[in-house]
N, C-alpha and C. Protein backbone atom coordinates (compact mmCIF):
# COMPACT_ATOMS: atom_id res chain seq x y z
N MET A 1 0.78 -1.21 0.00
CA MET A 1 0.00 0.00 0.00
C MET A 1 0.84 1.29 0.00
N PRO A 2 2.09 1.29 0.49
CA PRO A 2 2.87 2.52 0.44
C PRO A 2 2.97 3.08 -0.98
N TYR A 3 3.02 2.19 -1.98
CA TYR A 3 3.09 2.65 -3.37
C TYR A 3 1.86 3.50 -3.71
N GLN A 4 0.69 3.04 -3.26
CA GLN A 4 -0.54 3.77 -3.54
C GLN A 4 -0.47 5.16 -2.90
N TYR A 5 -0.01 5.23 -1.65
CA TYR A 5 0.09 6.52 -0.98
C TYR A 5 1.05 7.43 -1.72
N ASP A 6 2.21 6.92 -2.09
CA ASP A 6 3.20 7.73 -2.81
C ASP A 6 2.63 8.21 -4.14
N SER A 7 1.93 7.34 -4.83
CA SER A 7 1.33 7.68 -6.11
C SER A 7 0.28 8.78 -5.94
N LEU A 8 -0.58 8.64 -4.94
CA LEU A 8 -1.59 9.66 -4.68
C LEU A 8 -0.95 10.98 -4.25
N ALA A 9 0.07 10.90 -3.43
CA ALA A 9 0.76 12.12 -2.98
C ALA A 9 1.39 12.85 -4.17
N ARG A 10 1.99 12.10 -5.09
CA ARG A 10 2.57 12.70 -6.30
C ARG A 10 1.48 13.36 -7.15
N ALA A 11 0.35 12.67 -7.31
CA ALA A 11 -0.77 13.21 -8.10
C ALA A 11 -1.30 14.50 -7.46
N ARG A 12 -1.43 14.51 -6.14
CA ARG A 12 -1.89 15.72 -5.44
C ARG A 12 -0.92 16.86 -5.66
N LYS A 13 0.38 16.56 -5.55
CA LYS A 13 1.40 17.61 -5.72
C LYS A 13 1.36 18.21 -7.13
N GLN A 14 1.24 17.35 -8.12
CA GLN A 14 1.19 17.83 -9.51
C GLN A 14 -0.05 18.69 -9.76
N LEU A 15 -1.20 18.25 -9.24
CA LEU A 15 -2.43 19.01 -9.42
C LEU A 15 -2.35 20.34 -8.67
N ASP A 16 -1.80 20.32 -7.47
CA ASP A 16 -1.62 21.56 -6.71
C ASP A 16 -0.76 22.56 -7.48
N GLN A 17 0.31 22.06 -8.12
CA GLN A 17 1.18 22.94 -8.89
C GLN A 17 0.44 23.59 -10.05
N LYS A 18 -0.44 22.80 -10.69
CA LYS A 18 -1.21 23.35 -11.81
C LYS A 18 -2.22 24.40 -11.35
N LEU A 19 -2.83 24.14 -10.19
CA LEU A 19 -3.90 25.01 -9.72
C LEU A 19 -3.42 26.18 -8.86
N ALA A 20 -2.18 26.12 -8.40
CA ALA A 20 -1.65 27.16 -7.51
C ALA A 20 -1.85 28.58 -8.05
N PRO A 21 -1.62 28.82 -9.34
CA PRO A 21 -1.79 30.20 -9.83
C PRO A 21 -3.24 30.70 -9.72
N LEU A 22 -4.20 29.79 -9.64
CA LEU A 22 -5.61 30.19 -9.57
C LEU A 22 -6.11 30.38 -8.15
N ARG A 23 -5.43 29.79 -7.17
CA ARG A 23 -5.91 29.81 -5.79
C ARG A 23 -5.91 31.23 -5.25
N GLY A 24 -7.05 31.66 -4.77
CA GLY A 24 -7.16 32.98 -4.15
C GLY A 24 -7.07 34.15 -5.10
N GLU A 25 -7.17 33.89 -6.38
CA GLU A 25 -7.05 34.96 -7.36
C GLU A 25 -8.36 35.73 -7.50
N ALA A 26 -8.33 36.98 -7.10
CA ALA A 26 -9.52 37.83 -7.22
C ALA A 26 -9.87 38.07 -8.70
N ALA A 27 -8.88 37.94 -9.58
CA ALA A 27 -9.12 38.16 -11.01
C ALA A 27 -10.11 37.15 -11.58
N PHE A 28 -10.28 36.01 -10.90
CA PHE A 28 -11.17 34.99 -11.42
C PHE A 28 -12.54 34.99 -10.77
N VAL A 29 -12.81 36.00 -9.97
CA VAL A 29 -14.13 36.13 -9.37
C VAL A 29 -15.09 36.61 -10.46
N ARG A 30 -16.20 35.90 -10.60
CA ARG A 30 -17.16 36.22 -11.65
C ARG A 30 -17.69 37.64 -11.48
N PRO A 31 -17.74 38.42 -12.56
CA PRO A 31 -18.33 39.77 -12.47
C PRO A 31 -19.79 39.68 -12.04
N ALA A 32 -20.30 40.75 -11.46
CA ALA A 32 -21.67 40.76 -10.91
C ALA A 32 -22.71 40.33 -11.94
N LYS A 33 -22.55 40.75 -13.18
CA LYS A 33 -23.53 40.39 -14.23
C LYS A 33 -23.11 39.15 -15.00
N GLY A 34 -22.02 38.49 -14.58
CA GLY A 34 -21.57 37.27 -15.24
C GLY A 34 -20.52 37.55 -16.30
N TRP A 35 -19.77 36.49 -16.61
CA TRP A 35 -18.72 36.60 -17.63
C TRP A 35 -19.28 36.84 -19.02
N VAL A 36 -20.36 36.15 -19.35
CA VAL A 36 -20.93 36.30 -20.70
C VAL A 36 -21.30 37.76 -20.94
N ARG A 37 -22.03 38.33 -20.02
CA ARG A 37 -22.45 39.73 -20.17
C ARG A 37 -21.25 40.66 -20.18
N ALA A 38 -20.26 40.41 -19.31
CA ALA A 38 -19.08 41.28 -19.25
C ALA A 38 -18.31 41.25 -20.57
N ILE A 39 -18.12 40.05 -21.14
CA ILE A 39 -17.40 39.92 -22.41
C ILE A 39 -18.23 40.55 -23.54
N ARG A 40 -19.52 40.24 -23.54
CA ARG A 40 -20.40 40.79 -24.58
C ARG A 40 -20.37 42.31 -24.55
N ASP A 41 -20.49 42.90 -23.37
CA ASP A 41 -20.46 44.37 -23.24
C ASP A 41 -19.10 44.93 -23.68
N ALA A 42 -18.00 44.24 -23.29
CA ALA A 42 -16.67 44.71 -23.67
C ALA A 42 -16.46 44.67 -25.18
N LEU A 43 -17.11 43.71 -25.84
CA LEU A 43 -17.02 43.62 -27.30
C LEU A 43 -17.94 44.61 -28.01
N GLY A 44 -18.84 45.23 -27.25
CA GLY A 44 -19.80 46.15 -27.84
C GLY A 44 -20.91 45.40 -28.58
N MET A 45 -21.19 44.18 -28.17
CA MET A 45 -22.19 43.34 -28.82
C MET A 45 -23.49 43.42 -28.01
N THR A 46 -24.60 43.61 -28.72
CA THR A 46 -25.89 43.64 -28.03
C THR A 46 -26.36 42.22 -27.75
N GLY A 47 -27.32 42.13 -26.86
CA GLY A 47 -27.92 40.83 -26.55
C GLY A 47 -28.59 40.24 -27.78
N ARG A 48 -29.23 41.08 -28.56
CA ARG A 48 -29.90 40.63 -29.79
C ARG A 48 -28.87 40.05 -30.78
N GLN A 49 -27.70 40.68 -30.87
CA GLN A 49 -26.66 40.21 -31.79
C GLN A 49 -26.09 38.86 -31.34
N LEU A 50 -25.84 38.72 -30.04
CA LEU A 50 -25.33 37.45 -29.54
C LEU A 50 -26.38 36.36 -29.71
N ALA A 51 -27.62 36.68 -29.44
CA ALA A 51 -28.71 35.71 -29.60
C ALA A 51 -28.76 35.24 -31.06
N ALA A 52 -28.61 36.15 -31.98
CA ALA A 52 -28.64 35.79 -33.41
C ALA A 52 -27.48 34.85 -33.74
N ARG A 53 -26.31 35.11 -33.18
CA ARG A 53 -25.15 34.23 -33.43
C ARG A 53 -25.40 32.82 -32.91
N LEU A 54 -26.19 32.73 -31.84
CA LEU A 54 -26.49 31.43 -31.24
C LEU A 54 -27.72 30.77 -31.86
N GLY A 55 -28.49 31.54 -32.66
CA GLY A 55 -29.71 31.01 -33.25
C GLY A 55 -30.84 30.89 -32.23
N ILE A 56 -30.83 31.78 -31.24
CA ILE A 56 -31.89 31.78 -30.23
C ILE A 56 -32.52 33.16 -30.17
N LYS A 57 -33.61 33.30 -29.47
CA LYS A 57 -34.28 34.60 -29.31
C LYS A 57 -33.61 35.37 -28.16
N GLN A 58 -33.71 36.69 -28.23
CA GLN A 58 -33.06 37.55 -27.26
C GLN A 58 -33.54 37.29 -25.82
N PRO A 59 -34.83 37.03 -25.56
CA PRO A 59 -35.23 36.72 -24.18
C PRO A 59 -34.58 35.42 -23.66
N THR A 60 -34.31 34.48 -24.55
CA THR A 60 -33.63 33.24 -24.15
C THR A 60 -32.20 33.56 -23.72
N LEU A 61 -31.55 34.47 -24.45
CA LEU A 61 -30.19 34.88 -24.07
C LEU A 61 -30.20 35.54 -22.70
N VAL A 62 -31.18 36.41 -22.45
CA VAL A 62 -31.28 37.07 -21.14
C VAL A 62 -31.39 36.01 -20.05
N ALA A 63 -32.21 34.98 -20.29
CA ALA A 63 -32.38 33.89 -19.31
C ALA A 63 -31.06 33.13 -19.11
N LEU A 64 -30.32 32.91 -20.20
CA LEU A 64 -29.03 32.22 -20.09
C LEU A 64 -28.03 33.06 -19.30
N GLU A 65 -27.97 34.34 -19.58
CA GLU A 65 -27.06 35.21 -18.84
C GLU A 65 -27.44 35.23 -17.35
N GLN A 66 -28.73 35.26 -17.07
CA GLN A 66 -29.18 35.23 -15.68
C GLN A 66 -28.86 33.88 -15.05
N GLY A 67 -28.94 32.81 -15.85
CA GLY A 67 -28.59 31.48 -15.37
C GLY A 67 -27.12 31.39 -14.97
N GLU A 68 -26.27 32.10 -15.69
CA GLU A 68 -24.86 32.12 -15.29
C GLU A 68 -24.71 32.80 -13.93
N VAL A 69 -25.37 33.93 -13.76
CA VAL A 69 -25.29 34.67 -12.51
C VAL A 69 -25.85 33.84 -11.35
N ASN A 70 -26.95 33.13 -11.60
CA ASN A 70 -27.59 32.31 -10.56
C ASN A 70 -26.90 30.98 -10.32
N GLY A 71 -26.02 30.59 -11.25
CA GLY A 71 -25.33 29.30 -11.12
C GLY A 71 -26.17 28.13 -11.59
N THR A 72 -27.18 28.38 -12.43
CA THR A 72 -28.04 27.30 -12.90
C THR A 72 -27.77 26.91 -14.35
N ILE A 73 -26.89 27.62 -15.01
CA ILE A 73 -26.58 27.32 -16.41
C ILE A 73 -25.74 26.04 -16.49
N THR A 74 -25.92 25.28 -17.55
CA THR A 74 -25.10 24.07 -17.71
C THR A 74 -23.74 24.44 -18.30
N ILE A 75 -22.79 23.59 -18.07
CA ILE A 75 -21.45 23.82 -18.62
C ILE A 75 -21.51 23.79 -20.15
N GLY A 76 -22.31 22.89 -20.68
CA GLY A 76 -22.44 22.81 -22.14
C GLY A 76 -22.97 24.09 -22.74
N ARG A 77 -23.98 24.66 -22.10
CA ARG A 77 -24.57 25.91 -22.60
C ARG A 77 -23.58 27.06 -22.46
N LEU A 78 -22.85 27.07 -21.35
CA LEU A 78 -21.84 28.11 -21.15
C LEU A 78 -20.74 28.01 -22.20
N LYS A 79 -20.40 26.78 -22.58
CA LYS A 79 -19.40 26.57 -23.63
C LYS A 79 -19.91 27.13 -24.96
N GLU A 80 -21.17 26.90 -25.28
CA GLU A 80 -21.76 27.45 -26.51
C GLU A 80 -21.70 28.98 -26.51
N LEU A 81 -22.05 29.58 -25.38
CA LEU A 81 -21.99 31.04 -25.28
C LEU A 81 -20.56 31.53 -25.46
N ALA A 82 -19.60 30.86 -24.83
CA ALA A 82 -18.20 31.24 -24.95
C ALA A 82 -17.75 31.20 -26.41
N GLU A 83 -18.09 30.11 -27.08
CA GLU A 83 -17.69 29.98 -28.49
C GLU A 83 -18.31 31.07 -29.35
N ALA A 84 -19.57 31.43 -29.09
CA ALA A 84 -20.23 32.49 -29.84
C ALA A 84 -19.56 33.84 -29.61
N LEU A 85 -18.86 33.96 -28.48
CA LEU A 85 -18.14 35.19 -28.15
C LEU A 85 -16.66 35.09 -28.53
N ASP A 86 -16.29 34.03 -29.25
CA ASP A 86 -14.90 33.74 -29.63
C ASP A 86 -14.02 33.64 -28.38
N CYS A 87 -14.54 32.92 -27.38
CA CYS A 87 -13.82 32.69 -26.13
C CYS A 87 -13.69 31.18 -25.91
N THR A 88 -12.84 30.82 -24.98
CA THR A 88 -12.69 29.44 -24.57
C THR A 88 -13.18 29.33 -23.14
N LEU A 89 -14.05 28.38 -22.89
CA LEU A 89 -14.50 28.15 -21.52
C LEU A 89 -13.40 27.42 -20.77
N VAL A 90 -12.99 27.95 -19.65
CA VAL A 90 -11.99 27.33 -18.79
C VAL A 90 -12.73 26.91 -17.52
N TYR A 91 -12.67 25.62 -17.23
CA TYR A 91 -13.42 25.07 -16.09
C TYR A 91 -12.43 24.44 -15.13
N ALA A 92 -12.51 24.82 -13.87
CA ALA A 92 -11.58 24.24 -12.89
C ALA A 92 -12.21 24.30 -11.50
N LEU A 93 -11.89 23.31 -10.71
CA LEU A 93 -12.18 23.35 -9.28
C LEU A 93 -10.86 23.70 -8.61
N VAL A 94 -10.85 24.77 -7.85
CA VAL A 94 -9.61 25.23 -7.24
C VAL A 94 -9.72 25.04 -5.73
N PRO A 95 -8.97 24.10 -5.18
CA PRO A 95 -9.02 23.87 -3.73
C PRO A 95 -8.58 25.13 -2.97
N ASN A 96 -9.21 25.37 -1.84
CA ASN A 96 -8.89 26.54 -1.03
C ASN A 96 -7.55 26.41 -0.32
N ARG A 97 -7.12 25.18 -0.14
CA ARG A 97 -5.83 24.89 0.50
C ARG A 97 -5.14 23.83 -0.35
N PRO A 98 -3.84 23.65 -0.17
CA PRO A 98 -3.16 22.57 -0.90
C PRO A 98 -3.82 21.22 -0.61
N LEU A 99 -3.93 20.38 -1.63
CA LEU A 99 -4.59 19.09 -1.51
C LEU A 99 -3.97 18.22 -0.42
N GLN A 100 -2.65 18.23 -0.33
CA GLN A 100 -1.98 17.43 0.70
C GLN A 100 -2.41 17.88 2.09
N GLN A 101 -2.57 19.16 2.27
CA GLN A 101 -3.02 19.69 3.56
C GLN A 101 -4.44 19.21 3.87
N ILE A 102 -5.32 19.22 2.88
CA ILE A 102 -6.70 18.77 3.06
C ILE A 102 -6.72 17.30 3.49
N VAL A 103 -5.92 16.48 2.81
CA VAL A 103 -5.85 15.05 3.11
C VAL A 103 -5.30 14.82 4.52
N GLU A 104 -4.24 15.53 4.86
CA GLU A 104 -3.64 15.36 6.19
C GLU A 104 -4.59 15.82 7.29
N GLU A 105 -5.32 16.91 7.05
CA GLU A 105 -6.30 17.37 8.04
C GLU A 105 -7.41 16.34 8.24
N ARG A 106 -7.85 15.73 7.15
CA ARG A 106 -8.90 14.71 7.26
C ARG A 106 -8.38 13.50 8.04
N ALA A 107 -7.17 13.08 7.77
CA ALA A 107 -6.59 11.94 8.49
C ALA A 107 -6.46 12.27 9.98
N ARG A 108 -6.02 13.48 10.30
CA ARG A 108 -5.90 13.88 11.71
C ARG A 108 -7.28 13.92 12.39
N HIS A 109 -8.28 14.38 11.64
CA HIS A 109 -9.65 14.42 12.18
C HIS A 109 -10.12 13.01 12.54
N LEU A 110 -9.93 12.07 11.61
CA LEU A 110 -10.34 10.69 11.89
C LEU A 110 -9.53 10.10 13.04
N ALA A 111 -8.25 10.40 13.07
CA ALA A 111 -7.41 9.90 14.15
C ALA A 111 -7.91 10.46 15.49
N ASN A 112 -8.28 11.74 15.51
CA ASN A 112 -8.82 12.34 16.73
C ASN A 112 -10.11 11.65 17.17
N LEU A 113 -10.99 11.35 16.21
CA LEU A 113 -12.24 10.66 16.55
C LEU A 113 -11.95 9.30 17.19
N ARG A 114 -11.03 8.57 16.59
CA ARG A 114 -10.70 7.24 17.11
C ARG A 114 -10.02 7.34 18.49
N LEU A 115 -9.13 8.30 18.61
CA LEU A 115 -8.43 8.47 19.89
C LEU A 115 -9.39 8.91 21.00
N THR A 116 -10.32 9.76 20.66
CA THR A 116 -11.27 10.24 21.66
C THR A 116 -12.03 9.07 22.26
N ARG A 117 -12.46 8.15 21.40
CA ARG A 117 -13.20 6.97 21.89
C ARG A 117 -12.33 6.10 22.80
N THR A 118 -11.14 5.77 22.32
CA THR A 118 -10.29 4.86 23.10
C THR A 118 -9.71 5.55 24.33
N HIS A 119 -9.36 6.83 24.19
CA HIS A 119 -8.78 7.54 25.32
C HIS A 119 -9.79 7.70 26.44
N HIS A 120 -11.05 7.89 26.11
CA HIS A 120 -12.09 7.99 27.14
C HIS A 120 -12.13 6.70 27.97
N SER A 121 -12.11 5.57 27.28
CA SER A 121 -12.11 4.28 27.99
C SER A 121 -10.85 4.11 28.82
N MET A 122 -9.72 4.52 28.26
CA MET A 122 -8.45 4.38 28.98
C MET A 122 -8.44 5.25 30.24
N ARG A 123 -9.01 6.45 30.15
CA ARG A 123 -9.05 7.34 31.32
C ARG A 123 -9.93 6.74 32.41
N LEU A 124 -11.03 6.09 32.01
CA LEU A 124 -11.90 5.45 33.00
C LEU A 124 -11.14 4.37 33.77
N GLU A 125 -10.17 3.78 33.11
CA GLU A 125 -9.36 2.73 33.74
C GLU A 125 -8.05 3.30 34.29
N ASP A 126 -7.99 4.63 34.35
CA ASP A 126 -6.81 5.33 34.86
C ASP A 126 -5.55 4.99 34.05
N GLN A 127 -5.74 4.86 32.71
CA GLN A 127 -4.62 4.56 31.82
C GLN A 127 -4.48 5.64 30.73
N GLY A 128 -5.09 6.80 30.95
CA GLY A 128 -5.08 7.86 29.94
C GLY A 128 -3.68 8.35 29.63
N LEU A 129 -3.52 8.87 28.43
CA LEU A 129 -2.22 9.39 27.98
C LEU A 129 -2.11 10.87 28.34
N ASN A 130 -0.87 11.34 28.51
CA ASN A 130 -0.69 12.77 28.72
C ASN A 130 -0.84 13.49 27.38
N VAL A 131 -0.88 14.80 27.41
CA VAL A 131 -1.15 15.60 26.22
C VAL A 131 -0.13 15.33 25.11
N ASP A 132 1.13 15.27 25.43
CA ASP A 132 2.16 15.03 24.42
C ASP A 132 2.03 13.65 23.80
N ASP A 133 1.81 12.65 24.65
CA ASP A 133 1.66 11.28 24.13
C ASP A 133 0.40 11.17 23.27
N LEU A 134 -0.64 11.87 23.66
CA LEU A 134 -1.88 11.86 22.88
C LEU A 134 -1.65 12.48 21.50
N ALA A 135 -0.91 13.58 21.45
CA ALA A 135 -0.60 14.23 20.17
C ALA A 135 0.26 13.31 19.30
N ASP A 136 1.24 12.65 19.92
CA ASP A 136 2.09 11.72 19.17
C ASP A 136 1.27 10.57 18.61
N GLU A 137 0.36 10.05 19.43
CA GLU A 137 -0.49 8.93 18.99
C GLU A 137 -1.41 9.37 17.85
N ARG A 138 -1.96 10.59 17.95
CA ARG A 138 -2.79 11.12 16.87
C ARG A 138 -2.01 11.18 15.56
N ASP A 139 -0.80 11.71 15.63
CA ASP A 139 0.05 11.81 14.43
C ASP A 139 0.38 10.44 13.86
N ARG A 140 0.66 9.48 14.75
CA ARG A 140 0.98 8.11 14.31
C ARG A 140 -0.24 7.48 13.63
N LEU A 141 -1.41 7.65 14.24
CA LEU A 141 -2.63 7.09 13.65
C LEU A 141 -2.94 7.74 12.30
N ALA A 142 -2.80 9.05 12.22
CA ALA A 142 -3.07 9.77 10.96
C ALA A 142 -2.11 9.30 9.87
N ALA A 143 -0.84 9.17 10.19
CA ALA A 143 0.14 8.70 9.20
C ALA A 143 -0.20 7.29 8.75
N GLY A 144 -0.63 6.45 9.69
CA GLY A 144 -1.02 5.08 9.33
C GLY A 144 -2.23 5.05 8.42
N LEU A 145 -3.21 5.92 8.68
CA LEU A 145 -4.40 5.99 7.81
C LEU A 145 -3.99 6.36 6.39
N LEU A 146 -3.12 7.31 6.26
CA LEU A 146 -2.68 7.76 4.94
C LEU A 146 -1.82 6.71 4.24
N ARG A 147 -0.94 6.08 5.00
CA ARG A 147 -0.01 5.10 4.42
C ARG A 147 -0.74 3.82 4.00
N ASP A 148 -1.63 3.32 4.84
CA ASP A 148 -2.24 2.01 4.61
C ASP A 148 -3.34 2.02 3.56
N ASN A 149 -4.15 3.05 3.54
CA ASN A 149 -5.22 3.12 2.55
C ASN A 149 -5.81 4.52 2.55
N ALA A 150 -5.14 5.40 1.84
CA ALA A 150 -5.51 6.82 1.85
C ALA A 150 -6.94 7.07 1.38
N ARG A 151 -7.46 6.23 0.51
CA ARG A 151 -8.82 6.45 0.01
C ARG A 151 -9.88 6.22 1.07
N GLN A 152 -9.55 5.45 2.09
CA GLN A 152 -10.51 5.14 3.13
C GLN A 152 -10.83 6.33 4.03
N ILE A 153 -9.99 7.34 4.02
CA ILE A 153 -10.23 8.47 4.91
C ILE A 153 -11.49 9.25 4.53
N TRP A 154 -12.01 9.04 3.34
CA TRP A 154 -13.19 9.79 2.89
C TRP A 154 -14.50 9.05 3.14
N ARG A 155 -14.40 7.82 3.64
CA ARG A 155 -15.64 7.13 4.00
C ARG A 155 -16.23 7.84 5.21
N PRO A 156 -17.56 8.01 5.23
CA PRO A 156 -18.15 8.68 6.40
C PRO A 156 -17.89 7.89 7.67
N ASP A 157 -17.44 8.58 8.69
CA ASP A 157 -17.23 7.96 9.99
C ASP A 157 -18.55 7.94 10.72
N GLU A 158 -18.78 6.94 11.54
CA GLU A 158 -20.07 6.83 12.24
C GLU A 158 -20.36 8.06 13.11
N ASP A 159 -19.34 8.75 13.60
CA ASP A 159 -19.56 9.95 14.41
C ASP A 159 -19.95 11.16 13.56
N GLU A 160 -19.75 11.05 12.24
CA GLU A 160 -20.06 12.18 11.36
C GLU A 160 -21.43 12.06 10.72
N MET A 161 -22.06 10.93 10.84
CA MET A 161 -23.36 10.71 10.20
C MET A 161 -24.48 11.30 11.03
């Protein structure tokens, strides 16, 4: 299983490198009236003209532009609009934090859940760990979760349901 972990870690690192330039970029925040409307206005193209290029009626275009603003437009339709504006639709999910950090946080969360259960029982038997040992055990459990089967960390834990 270490091979799987190494392979996933490499894939996360490569994807993070590709997406890093987009993370936190205010330049990619959708304009208030949407990208379609912003590009159309910048080109000096009326709604009627864009609708004609798409072979649709102008009220349908207004609905599509509103759909972009509301987040209800399909990617396929947005691609058609982009092409009619001589643009390329760029679609990406940009993680808010590095992927490796997200994975490690999830593993630590699960390790904490497991430790909380066992540590409670151990304390009842006067065998509880001190704070430093508890932190070390959490880190050891989290590393084991990632090393042994990293994909399992995304299964819902019974405490999260």
